Amino acid sequence: MKKGMIKVCVLYPNGDGKKFDMEYYNNSHMPLVSKTLGDALKAASYDKGLGGGTPGSPAIYVAMANLYFNSMEEFGQAFAAGAPTLMGDLPNFTDIAPVVQISEVM
């Protein structure tokens, strides 16, 4: 990633009794993200949580998405247009309210 790019992290906190369908996330939601955000999305990576910092501890997050954009404006335009579709898909794979952080790549 280039310095100055915008990184949007979408984190799904782990917790007892929480639902997260990893198969649906991989096979349906991730392609929907790419299609919906279109050319504004420059790169993306998706992670499955395996464990915490202490050996044998559970992952703090079930899954994470890292989405990269050239600017806040491009992200804002793409997300404003795509939010209803992307947010509407959440109940298809999770009941977890995602935590979002927007950062600048250094």
PDB file of N, CA and C in Angstrom:
ATOM      1  N   MET A   1       0.833  -1.172   0.000  1.00  0.00           N
ATOM      2  CA  MET A   1       0.000   0.000   0.000  1.00  0.00           C
ATOM      3  C   MET A   1       0.883   1.242   0.000  1.00  0.00           C
ATOM      4  N   LYS A   2       0.392   2.269  -0.624  1.00  0.00           N
ATOM      5  CA  LYS A   2       1.162   3.500  -0.713  1.00  0.00           C
ATOM      6  C   LYS A   2       0.832   4.436   0.448  1.00  0.00           C
ATOM      7  N   LYS A   3       1.842   5.169   0.859  1.00  0.00           N
ATOM      8  CA  LYS A   3       1.657   6.179   1.899  1.00  0.00           C
ATOM      9  C   LYS A   3       0.548   7.139   1.470  1.00  0.00           C
ATOM     10  N   GLY A   4      -0.316   7.472   2.421  1.00  0.00           N
ATOM     11  CA  GLY A   4      -1.406   8.398   2.176  1.00  0.00           C
ATOM     12  C   GLY A   4      -2.718   7.736   1.797  1.00  0.00           C
ATOM     13  N   MET A   5      -2.679   6.433   1.475  1.00  0.00           N
ATOM     14  CA  MET A   5      -3.935   5.742   1.165  1.00  0.00           C
ATOM     15  C   MET A   5      -4.804   5.674   2.418  1.00  0.00           C
ATOM     16  N   ILE A   6      -6.070   5.463   2.221  1.00  0.00           N
ATOM     17  CA  ILE A   6      -7.022   5.316   3.315  1.00  0.00           C
ATOM     18  C   ILE A   6      -7.295   3.831   3.517  1.00  0.00           C
ATOM     19  N   LYS A   7      -7.181   3.389   4.763  1.00  0.00           N
ATOM     20  CA  LYS A   7      -7.447   1.999   5.127  1.00  0.00           C
ATOM     21  C   LYS A   7      -8.675   1.972   6.024  1.00  0.00           C
ATOM     22  N   VAL A   8      -9.665   1.229   5.607  1.00  0.00           N
ATOM     23  CA  VAL A   8     -10.879   1.063   6.403  1.00  0.00           C
ATOM     24  C   VAL A   8     -10.857  -0.350   6.970  1.00  0.00           C
ATOM     25  N   CYS A   9     -10.784  -0.443   8.293  1.00  0.00           N
ATOM     26  CA  CYS A   9     -10.785  -1.738   8.980  1.00  0.00           C
ATOM     27  C   CYS A   9     -12.190  -1.985   9.524  1.00  0.00           C
ATOM     28  N   VAL A  10     -12.734  -3.143   9.184  1.00  0.00           N
ATOM     29  CA  VAL A  10     -14.034  -3.561   9.693  1.00  0.00           C
ATOM     30  C   VAL A  10     -13.771  -4.790  10.549  1.00  0.00           C
ATOM     31  N   LEU A  11     -14.024  -4.663  11.852  1.00  0.00           N
ATOM     32  CA  LEU A  11     -13.681  -5.697  12.831  1.00  0.00           C
ATOM     33  C   LEU A  11     -14.953  -6.270  13.445  1.00  0.00           C
ATOM     34  N   TYR A  12     -15.014  -7.579  13.530  1.00  0.00           N
ATOM     35  CA  TYR A  12     -16.171  -8.263  14.108  1.00  0.00           C
ATOM     36  C   TYR A  12     -15.759  -8.881  15.442  1.00  0.00           C
ATOM     37  N   PRO A  13     -16.074  -8.224  16.578  1.00  0.00           N
ATOM     38  CA  PRO A  13     -15.655  -8.722  17.887  1.00  0.00           C
ATOM     39  C   PRO A  13     -16.220 -10.115  18.194  1.00  0.00           C
ATOM     40  N   ASN A  14     -15.367 -10.947  18.758  1.00  0.00           N
ATOM     41  CA  ASN A  14     -15.728 -12.290  19.181  1.00  0.00           C
ATOM     42  C   ASN A  14     -16.540 -12.194  20.477  1.00  0.00           C
ATOM     43  N   GLY A  15     -17.358 -13.177  20.720  1.00  0.00           N
ATOM     44  CA  GLY A  15     -18.108 -13.218  21.971  1.00  0.00           C
ATOM     45  C   GLY A  15     -18.976 -14.450  22.053  1.00  0.00           C
ATOM     46  N   ASP A  16     -19.239 -14.882  23.272  1.00  0.00           N
ATOM     47  CA  ASP A  16     -20.088 -16.053  23.477  1.00  0.00           C
ATOM     48  C   ASP A  16     -21.468 -15.805  22.885  1.00  0.00           C
ATOM     49  N   GLY A  17     -21.958 -16.805  22.178  1.00  0.00           N
ATOM     50  CA  GLY A  17     -23.300 -16.746  21.624  1.00  0.00           C
ATOM     51  C   GLY A  17     -23.426 -15.901  20.367  1.00  0.00           C
ATOM     52  N   LYS A  18     -22.321 -15.366  19.878  1.00  0.00           N
ATOM     53  CA  LYS A  18     -22.367 -14.554  18.663  1.00  0.00           C
ATOM     54  C   LYS A  18     -22.382 -15.458  17.429  1.00  0.00           C
ATOM     55  N   LYS A  19     -23.114 -15.025  16.404  1.00  0.00           N
ATOM     56  CA  LYS A  19     -23.220 -15.780  15.146  1.00  0.00           C
ATOM     57  C   LYS A  19     -22.303 -15.147  14.109  1.00  0.00           C
ATOM     58  N   PHE A  20     -21.547 -15.984  13.400  1.00  0.00           N
ATOM     59  CA  PHE A  20     -20.746 -15.520  12.270  1.00  0.00           C
ATOM     60  C   PHE A  20     -20.568 -16.689  11.311  1.00  0.00           C
ATOM     61  N   ASP A  21     -21.143 -16.589  10.132  1.00  0.00           N
ATOM     62  CA  ASP A  21     -21.084 -17.641   9.128  1.00  0.00           C
ATOM     63  C   ASP A  21     -19.912 -17.338   8.193  1.00  0.00           C
ATOM     64  N   MET A  22     -18.760 -17.953   8.470  1.00  0.00           N
ATOM     65  CA  MET A  22     -17.547 -17.677   7.718  1.00  0.00           C
ATOM     66  C   MET A  22     -17.679 -18.082   6.252  1.00  0.00           C
ATOM     67  N   GLU A  23     -18.390 -19.162   5.996  1.00  0.00           N
ATOM     68  CA  GLU A  23     -18.574 -19.606   4.608  1.00  0.00           C
ATOM     69  C   GLU A  23     -19.339 -18.552   3.797  1.00  0.00           C
ATOM     70  N   TYR A  24     -20.419 -18.037   4.360  1.00  0.00           N
ATOM     71  CA  TYR A  24     -21.179 -16.991   3.659  1.00  0.00           C
ATOM     72  C   TYR A  24     -20.324 -15.739   3.487  1.00  0.00           C
ATOM     73  N   TYR A  25     -19.595 -15.378   4.527  1.00  0.00           N
ATOM     74  CA  TYR A  25     -18.727 -14.197   4.482  1.00  0.00           C
ATOM     75  C   TYR A  25     -17.733 -14.318   3.330  1.00  0.00           C
ATOM     76  N   ASN A  26     -17.080 -15.487   3.228  1.00  0.00           N
ATOM     77  CA  ASN A  26     -16.088 -15.713   2.175  1.00  0.00           C
ATOM     78  C   ASN A  26     -16.696 -15.768   0.783  1.00  0.00           C
ATOM     79  N   ASN A  27     -17.766 -16.499   0.638  1.00  0.00           N
ATOM     80  CA  ASN A  27     -18.311 -16.794  -0.683  1.00  0.00           C
ATOM     81  C   ASN A  27     -19.319 -15.783  -1.207  1.00  0.00           C
ATOM     82  N   SER A  28     -19.936 -15.026  -0.315  1.00  0.00           N
ATOM     83  CA  SER A  28     -20.977 -14.089  -0.753  1.00  0.00           C
ATOM     84  C   SER A  28     -20.681 -12.638  -0.382  1.00  0.00           C
ATOM     85  N   HIS A  29     -20.356 -12.396   0.887  1.00  0.00           N
ATOM     86  CA  HIS A  29     -20.198 -11.009   1.321  1.00  0.00           C
ATOM     87  C   HIS A  29     -18.944 -10.361   0.730  1.00  0.00           C
ATOM     88  N   MET A  30     -17.824 -11.037   0.765  1.00  0.00           N
ATOM     89  CA  MET A  30     -16.589 -10.445   0.231  1.00  0.00           C
ATOM     90  C   MET A  30     -16.735 -10.085  -1.250  1.00  0.00           C
ATOM     91  N   PRO A  31     -17.276 -10.967  -2.099  1.00  0.00           N
ATOM     92  CA  PRO A  31     -17.493 -10.554  -3.491  1.00  0.00           C
ATOM     93  C   PRO A  31     -18.475  -9.387  -3.616  1.00  0.00           C
ATOM     94  N   LEU A  32     -19.468  -9.347  -2.730  1.00  0.00           N
ATOM     95  CA  LEU A  32     -20.422  -8.237  -2.750  1.00  0.00           C
ATOM     96  C   LEU A  32     -19.728  -6.918  -2.413  1.00  0.00           C
ATOM     97  N   VAL A  33     -18.797  -6.944  -1.470  1.00  0.00           N
ATOM     98  CA  VAL A  33     -18.036  -5.736  -1.119  1.00  0.00           C
ATOM     99  C   VAL A  33     -17.291  -5.224  -2.344  1.00  0.00           C
ATOM    100  N   SER A  34     -16.583  -6.107  -3.027  1.00  0.00           N
ATOM    101  CA  SER A  34     -15.819  -5.703  -4.212  1.00  0.00           C
ATOM    102  C   SER A  34     -16.723  -5.143  -5.298  1.00  0.00           C
ATOM    103  N   LYS A  35     -17.810  -5.824  -5.567  1.00  0.00           N
ATOM    104  CA  LYS A  35     -18.745  -5.389  -6.606  1.00  0.00           C
ATOM    105  C   LYS A  35     -19.377  -4.047  -6.240  1.00  0.00           C
ATOM    106  N   THR A  36     -19.787  -3.898  -4.996  1.00  0.00           N
ATOM    107  CA  THR A  36     -20.514  -2.704  -4.564  1.00  0.00           C
ATOM    108  C   THR A  36     -19.611  -1.475  -4.509  1.00  0.00           C
ATOM    109  N   LEU A  37     -18.384  -1.635  -4.022  1.00  0.00           N
ATOM    110  CA  LEU A  37     -17.481  -0.486  -3.905  1.00  0.00           C
ATOM    111  C   LEU A  37     -16.771  -0.171  -5.214  1.00  0.00           C
ATOM    112  N   GLY A  38     -16.758  -1.107  -6.137  1.00  0.00           N
ATOM    113  CA  GLY A  38     -16.272  -0.879  -7.489  1.00  0.00           C
ATOM    114  C   GLY A  38     -14.829  -0.418  -7.562  1.00  0.00           C
ATOM    115  N   ASP A  39     -14.571   0.465  -8.527  1.00  0.00           N
ATOM    116  CA  ASP A  39     -13.210   0.923  -8.805  1.00  0.00           C
ATOM    117  C   ASP A  39     -12.608   1.749  -7.671  1.00  0.00           C
ATOM    118  N   ALA A  40     -13.431   2.255  -6.774  1.00  0.00           N
ATOM    119  CA  ALA A  40     -12.899   3.029  -5.641  1.00  0.00           C
ATOM    120  C   ALA A  40     -12.083   2.137  -4.711  1.00  0.00           C
ATOM    121  N   LEU A  41     -12.436   0.865  -4.622  1.00  0.00           N
ATOM    122  CA  LEU A  41     -11.717  -0.091  -3.781  1.00  0.00           C
ATOM    123  C   LEU A  41     -10.452  -0.521  -4.512  1.00  0.00           C
ATOM    124  N   LYS A  42      -9.300  -0.137  -3.987  1.00  0.00           N
ATOM    125  CA  LYS A  42      -8.022  -0.415  -4.643  1.00  0.00           C
ATOM    126  C   LYS A  42      -7.428  -1.755  -4.231  1.00  0.00           C
ATOM    127  N   ALA A  43      -7.707  -2.204  -3.025  1.00  0.00           N
ATOM    128  CA  ALA A  43      -7.204  -3.492  -2.538  1.00  0.00           C
ATOM    129  C   ALA A  43      -8.014  -3.870  -1.304  1.00  0.00           C
ATOM    130  N   ALA A  44      -8.001  -5.145  -0.993  1.00  0.00           N
ATOM    131  CA  ALA A  44      -8.704  -5.619   0.199  1.00  0.00           C
ATOM    132  C   ALA A  44      -8.044  -6.898   0.693  1.00  0.00           C
ATOM    133  N   SER A  45      -8.084  -7.100   2.000  1.00  0.00           N
ATOM    134  CA  SER A  45      -7.689  -8.371   2.593  1.00  0.00           C
ATOM    135  C   SER A  45      -8.712  -8.705   3.663  1.00  0.00           C
ATOM    136  N   TYR A  46      -8.915  -9.988   3.849  1.00  0.00           N
ATOM    137  CA  TYR A  46      -9.902 -10.472   4.807  1.00  0.00           C
ATOM    138  C   TYR A  46      -9.219 -11.502   5.688  1.00  0.00           C
ATOM    139  N   ASP A  47      -9.445 -11.410   7.005  1.00  0.00           N
ATOM    140  CA  ASP A  47      -8.769 -12.280   7.955  1.00  0.00           C
ATOM    141  C   ASP A  47      -9.779 -13.000   8.840  1.00  0.00           C
ATOM    142  N   LYS A  48      -9.458 -14.238   9.181  1.00  0.00           N
ATOM    143  CA  LYS A  48     -10.216 -15.034  10.146  1.00  0.00           C
ATOM    144  C   LYS A  48      -9.407 -15.083  11.432  1.00  0.00           C
ATOM    145  N   GLY A  49     -10.013 -14.678  12.546  1.00  0.00           N
ATOM    146  CA  GLY A  49      -9.320 -14.703  13.824  1.00  0.00           C
ATOM    147  C   GLY A  49      -9.053 -16.123  14.294  1.00  0.00           C
ATOM    148  N   LEU A  50      -7.823 -16.367  14.740  1.00  0.00           N
ATOM    149  CA  LEU A  50      -7.449 -17.700  15.225  1.00  0.00           C
ATOM    150  C   LEU A  50      -7.146 -17.738  16.711  1.00  0.00           C
ATOM    151  N   GLY A  51      -6.635 -16.639  17.266  1.00  0.00           N
ATOM    152  CA  GLY A  51      -6.297 -16.650  18.681  1.00  0.00           C
ATOM    153  C   GLY A  51      -5.895 -15.264  19.147  1.00  0.00           C
ATOM    154  N   GLY A  52      -5.848 -15.102  20.453  1.00  0.00           N
ATOM    155  CA  GLY A  52      -5.442 -13.843  21.057  1.00  0.00           C
ATOM    156  C   GLY A  52      -3.945 -13.799  21.307  1.00  0.00           C
ATOM    157  N   GLY A  53      -3.507 -12.769  21.995  1.00  0.00           N
ATOM    158  CA  GLY A  53      -2.092 -12.576  22.264  1.00  0.00           C
ATOM    159  C   GLY A  53      -1.486 -13.571  23.227  1.00  0.00           C
ATOM    160  N   THR A  54      -2.301 -14.139  24.084  1.00  0.00           N
ATOM    161  CA  THR A  54      -1.843 -15.141  25.040  1.00  0.00           C
ATOM    162  C   THR A  54      -2.093 -16.526  24.442  1.00  0.00           C
ATOM    163  N   PRO A  55      -1.100 -17.406  24.465  1.00  0.00           N
ATOM    164  CA  PRO A  55      -1.297 -18.743  23.897  1.00  0.00           C
ATOM    165  C   PRO A  55      -2.558 -19.420  24.450  1.00  0.00           C
ATOM    166  N   GLY A  56      -3.354 -19.937  23.535  1.00  0.00           N
ATOM    167  CA  GLY A  56      -4.573 -20.636  23.922  1.00  0.00           C
ATOM    168  C   GLY A  56      -5.775 -19.741  24.148  1.00  0.00           C
ATOM    169  N   SER A  57      -5.591 -18.427  24.093  1.00  0.00           N
ATOM    170  CA  SER A  57      -6.725 -17.527  24.294  1.00  0.00           C
ATOM    171  C   SER A  57      -7.504 -17.362  22.990  1.00  0.00           C
ATOM    172  N   PRO A  58      -8.806 -17.073  23.089  1.00  0.00           N
ATOM    173  CA  PRO A  58      -9.606 -16.913  21.873  1.00  0.00           C
ATOM    174  C   PRO A  58      -9.249 -15.615  21.139  1.00  0.00           C
ATOM    175  N   ALA A  59      -9.533 -15.607  19.861  1.00  0.00           N
ATOM    176  CA  ALA A  59      -9.325 -14.405  19.059  1.00  0.00           C
ATOM    177  C   ALA A  59     -10.223 -13.286  19.564  1.00  0.00           C
ATOM    178  N   ILE A  60      -9.708 -12.086  19.590  1.00  0.00           N
ATOM    179  CA  ILE A  60     -10.510 -10.923  19.994  1.00  0.00           C
ATOM    180  C   ILE A  60     -11.559 -10.625  18.930  1.00  0.00           C
ATOM    181  N   TYR A  61     -11.185 -10.853  17.676  1.00  0.00           N
ATOM    182  CA  TYR A  61     -12.102 -10.622  16.556  1.00  0.00           C
ATOM    183  C   TYR A  61     -12.300 -11.919  15.784  1.00  0.00           C
ATOM    184  N   VAL A  62     -13.552 -12.212  15.443  1.00  0.00           N
ATOM    185  CA  VAL A  62     -13.879 -13.384  14.634  1.00  0.00           C
ATOM    186  C   VAL A  62     -13.308 -13.210  13.232  1.00  0.00           C
ATOM    187  N   ALA A  63     -13.436 -11.995  12.702  1.00  0.00           N
ATOM    188  CA  ALA A  63     -12.968 -11.701  11.354  1.00  0.00           C
ATOM    189  C   ALA A  63     -12.664 -10.215  11.248  1.00  0.00           C
ATOM    190  N   MET A  64     -11.857  -9.879  10.235  1.00  0.00           N
ATOM    191  CA  MET A  64     -11.523  -8.489   9.942  1.00  0.00           C
ATOM    192  C   MET A  64     -11.453  -8.309   8.436  1.00  0.00           C
ATOM    193  N   ALA A  65     -11.842  -7.134   7.990  1.00  0.00           N
ATOM    194  CA  ALA A  65     -11.653  -6.746   6.596  1.00  0.00           C
ATOM    195  C   ALA A  65     -10.818  -5.479   6.585  1.00  0.00           C
ATOM    196  N   ASN A  66      -9.862  -5.421   5.668  1.00  0.00           N
ATOM    197  CA  ASN A  66      -9.033  -4.236   5.476  1.00  0.00           C
ATOM    198  C   ASN A  66      -9.244  -3.775   4.046  1.00  0.00           C
ATOM    199  N   LEU A  67      -9.833  -2.607   3.892  1.00  0.00           N
ATOM    200  CA  LEU A  67     -10.208  -2.081   2.585  1.00  0.00           C
ATOM    201  C   LEU A  67      -9.409  -0.814   2.318  1.00  0.00           C
ATOM    202  N   TYR A  68      -8.843  -0.714   1.129  1.00  0.00           N
ATOM    203  CA  TYR A  68      -7.955   0.405   0.805  1.00  0.00           C
ATOM    204  C   TYR A  68      -8.523   1.273  -0.313  1.00  0.00           C
ATOM    205  N   PHE A  69      -8.402   2.587  -0.102  1.00  0.00           N
ATOM    206  CA  PHE A  69      -8.905   3.584  -1.047  1.00  0.00           C
ATOM    207  C   PHE A  69      -7.835   4.650  -1.240  1.00  0.00           C
ATOM    208  N   ASN A  70      -7.888   5.348  -2.361  1.00  0.00           N
ATOM    209  CA  ASN A  70      -6.911   6.413  -2.612  1.00  0.00           C
ATOM    210  C   ASN A  70      -7.141   7.639  -1.734  1.00  0.00           C
ATOM    211  N   SER A  71      -8.381   7.905  -1.366  1.00  0.00           N
ATOM    212  CA  SER A  71      -8.676   9.119  -0.594  1.00  0.00           C
ATOM    213  C   SER A  71      -9.943   8.937   0.222  1.00  0.00           C
ATOM    214  N   MET A  72     -10.119   9.831   1.194  1.00  0.00           N
ATOM    215  CA  MET A  72     -11.353   9.840   1.996  1.00  0.00           C
ATOM    216  C   MET A  72     -12.553  10.135   1.104  1.00  0.00           C
ATOM    217  N   GLU A  73     -12.360  10.994   0.118  1.00  0.00           N
ATOM    218  CA  GLU A  73     -13.467  11.349  -0.777  1.00  0.00           C
ATOM    219  C   GLU A  73     -13.933  10.132  -1.573  1.00  0.00           C
ATOM    220  N   GLU A  74     -12.978   9.375  -2.110  1.00  0.00           N
ATOM    221  CA  GLU A  74     -13.354   8.179  -2.871  1.00  0.00           C
ATOM    222  C   GLU A  74     -14.036   7.149  -1.971  1.00  0.00           C
ATOM    223  N   PHE A  75     -13.501   6.958  -0.777  1.00  0.00           N
ATOM    224  CA  PHE A  75     -14.156   6.048   0.161  1.00  0.00           C
ATOM    225  C   PHE A  75     -15.561   6.539   0.483  1.00  0.00           C
ATOM    226  N   GLY A  76     -15.684   7.822   0.817  1.00  0.00           N
ATOM    227  CA  GLY A  76     -16.983   8.376   1.201  1.00  0.00           C
ATOM    228  C   GLY A  76     -18.030   8.222   0.117  1.00  0.00           C
ATOM    229  N   GLN A  77     -17.661   8.500  -1.111  1.00  0.00           N
ATOM    230  CA  GLN A  77     -18.605   8.371  -2.222  1.00  0.00           C
ATOM    231  C   GLN A  77     -19.017   6.916  -2.438  1.00  0.00           C
ATOM    232  N   ALA A  78     -18.038   6.022  -2.434  1.00  0.00           N
ATOM    233  CA  ALA A  78     -18.333   4.604  -2.662  1.00  0.00           C
ATOM    234  C   ALA A  78     -19.184   4.032  -1.543  1.00  0.00           C
ATOM    235  N   PHE A  79     -18.842   4.382  -0.302  1.00  0.00           N
ATOM    236  CA  PHE A  79     -19.592   3.814   0.822  1.00  0.00           C
ATOM    237  C   PHE A  79     -20.992   4.408   0.914  1.00  0.00           C
ATOM    238  N   ALA A  80     -21.122   5.694   0.647  1.00  0.00           N
ATOM    239  CA  ALA A  80     -22.453   6.312   0.695  1.00  0.00           C
ATOM    240  C   ALA A  80     -23.395   5.621  -0.289  1.00  0.00           C
ATOM    241  N   ALA A  81     -22.879   5.325  -1.476  1.00  0.00           N
ATOM    242  CA  ALA A  81     -23.705   4.660  -2.484  1.00  0.00           C
ATOM    243  C   ALA A  81     -23.965   3.197  -2.137  1.00  0.00           C
ATOM    244  N   GLY A  82     -22.980   2.530  -1.525  1.00  0.00           N
ATOM    245  CA  GLY A  82     -23.090   1.095  -1.280  1.00  0.00           C
ATOM    246  C   GLY A  82     -23.557   0.678   0.090  1.00  0.00           C
ATOM    247  N   ALA A  83     -23.634   1.607   1.034  1.00  0.00           N
ATOM    248  CA  ALA A  83     -23.967   1.255   2.421  1.00  0.00           C
ATOM    249  C   ALA A  83     -25.272   0.477   2.560  1.00  0.00           C
ATOM    250  N   PRO A  84     -26.350   0.878   1.912  1.00  0.00           N
ATOM    251  CA  PRO A  84     -27.585   0.093   2.095  1.00  0.00           C
ATOM    252  C   PRO A  84     -27.422  -1.372   1.690  1.00  0.00           C
ATOM    253  N   THR A  85     -26.709  -1.615   0.616  1.00  0.00           N
ATOM    254  CA  THR A  85     -26.492  -2.996   0.163  1.00  0.00           C
ATOM    255  C   THR A  85     -25.603  -3.761   1.138  1.00  0.00           C
ATOM    256  N   LEU A  86     -24.486  -3.155   1.515  1.00  0.00           N
ATOM    257  CA  LEU A  86     -23.535  -3.858   2.381  1.00  0.00           C
ATOM    258  C   LEU A  86     -24.086  -4.063   3.782  1.00  0.00           C
ATOM    259  N   MET A  87     -24.678  -3.028   4.353  1.00  0.00           N
ATOM    260  CA  MET A  87     -25.235  -3.156   5.705  1.00  0.00           C
ATOM    261  C   MET A  87     -26.450  -4.092   5.712  1.00  0.00           C
ATOM    262  N   GLY A  88     -27.187  -4.089   4.626  1.00  0.00           N
ATOM    263  CA  GLY A  88     -28.343  -4.976   4.518  1.00  0.00           C
ATOM    264  C   GLY A  88     -27.962  -6.439   4.434  1.00  0.00           C
ATOM    265  N   ASP A  89     -26.726  -6.720   4.036  1.00  0.00           N
ATOM    266  CA  ASP A  89     -26.264  -8.102   3.926  1.00  0.00           C
ATOM    267  C   ASP A  89     -25.768  -8.660   5.258  1.00  0.00           C
ATOM    268  N   LEU A  90     -25.454  -7.800   6.219  1.00  0.00           N
ATOM    269  CA  LEU A  90     -24.904  -8.268   7.501  1.00  0.00           C
ATOM    270  C   LEU A  90     -25.737  -9.365   8.161  1.00  0.00           C
ATOM    271  N   PRO A  91     -27.065  -9.233   8.261  1.00  0.00           N
ATOM    272  CA  PRO A  91     -27.836 -10.290   8.939  1.00  0.00           C
ATOM    273  C   PRO A  91     -27.739 -11.656   8.266  1.00  0.00           C
ATOM    274  N   ASN A  92     -27.268 -11.691   7.026  1.00  0.00           N
ATOM    275  CA  ASN A  92     -27.114 -12.977   6.339  1.00  0.00           C
ATOM    276  C   ASN A  92     -25.941 -13.796   6.871  1.00  0.00           C
ATOM    277  N   PHE A  93     -25.006 -13.140   7.585  1.00  0.00           N
ATOM    278  CA  PHE A  93     -23.867 -13.914   8.098  1.00  0.00           C
ATOM    279  C   PHE A  93     -23.499 -13.616   9.544  1.00  0.00           C
ATOM    280  N   THR A  94     -24.042 -12.554  10.141  1.00  0.00           N
ATOM    281  CA  THR A  94     -23.646 -12.273  11.524  1.00  0.00           C
ATOM    282  C   THR A  94     -24.704 -11.473  12.275  1.00  0.00           C
ATOM    283  N   ASP A  95     -24.636 -11.589  13.594  1.00  0.00           N
ATOM    284  CA  ASP A  95     -25.424 -10.725  14.473  1.00  0.00           C
ATOM    285  C   ASP A  95     -24.501  -9.783  15.250  1.00  0.00           C
ATOM    286  N   ILE A  96     -23.247  -9.727  14.826  1.00  0.00           N
ATOM    287  CA  ILE A  96     -22.247  -8.884  15.479  1.00  0.00           C
ATOM    288  C   ILE A  96     -22.252  -7.494  14.841  1.00  0.00           C
ATOM    289  N   ALA A  97     -22.322  -6.472  15.676  1.00  0.00           N
ATOM    290  CA  ALA A  97     -22.190  -5.099  15.179  1.00  0.00           C
ATOM    291  C   ALA A  97     -20.710  -4.847  14.911  1.00  0.00           C
ATOM    292  N   PRO A  98     -20.333  -4.580  13.664  1.00  0.00           N
ATOM    293  CA  PRO A  98     -18.914  -4.381  13.381  1.00  0.00           C
ATOM    294  C   PRO A  98     -18.380  -3.078  13.965  1.00  0.00           C
ATOM    295  N   VAL A  99     -17.090  -3.115  14.289  1.00  0.00           N
ATOM    296  CA  VAL A  99     -16.357  -1.929  14.727  1.00  0.00           C
ATOM    297  C   VAL A  99     -15.561  -1.466  13.516  1.00  0.00           C
ATOM    298  N   VAL A 100     -15.633  -0.177  13.209  1.00  0.00           N
ATOM    299  CA  VAL A 100     -14.948   0.348  12.029  1.00  0.00           C
ATOM    300  C   VAL A 100     -13.922   1.384  12.458  1.00  0.00           C
ATOM    301  N   GLN A 101     -12.732   1.282  11.878  1.00  0.00           N
ATOM    302  CA  GLN A 101     -11.713   2.317  12.062  1.00  0.00           C
ATOM    303  C   GLN A 101     -11.181   2.704  10.702  1.00  0.00           C
ATOM    304  N   ILE A 102     -11.067   4.015  10.489  1.00  0.00           N
ATOM    305  CA  ILE A 102     -10.516   4.556   9.248  1.00  0.00           C
ATOM    306  C   ILE A 102      -9.159   5.165   9.592  1.00  0.00           C
ATOM    307  N   SER A 103      -8.137   4.759   8.814  1.00  0.00           N
ATOM    308  CA  SER A 103      -6.767   5.195   9.080  1.00  0.00           C
ATOM    309  C   SER A 103      -6.111   5.654   7.791  1.00  0.00           C
ATOM    310  N   GLU A 104      -5.012   6.376   7.959  1.00  0.00           N
ATOM    311  CA  GLU A 104      -4.174   6.738   6.831  1.00  0.00           C
ATOM    312  C   GLU A 104      -2.930   5.854   6.854  1.00  0.00           C
ATOM    313  N   VAL A 105      -2.604   5.256   5.718  1.00  0.00           N
ATOM    314  CA  VAL A 105      -1.418   4.418   5.606  1.00  0.00           C
ATOM    315  C   VAL A 105      -0.185   5.307   5.742  1.00  0.00           C
ATOM    316  N   MET A 106       0.718   4.936   6.635  1.00  0.00           N
ATOM    317  CA  MET A 106       1.941   5.683   6.856  1.00  0.00           C
ATOM    318  C   MET A 106       3.050   4.989   6.190  1.00  0.00           C
TER     319      MET A 106
END
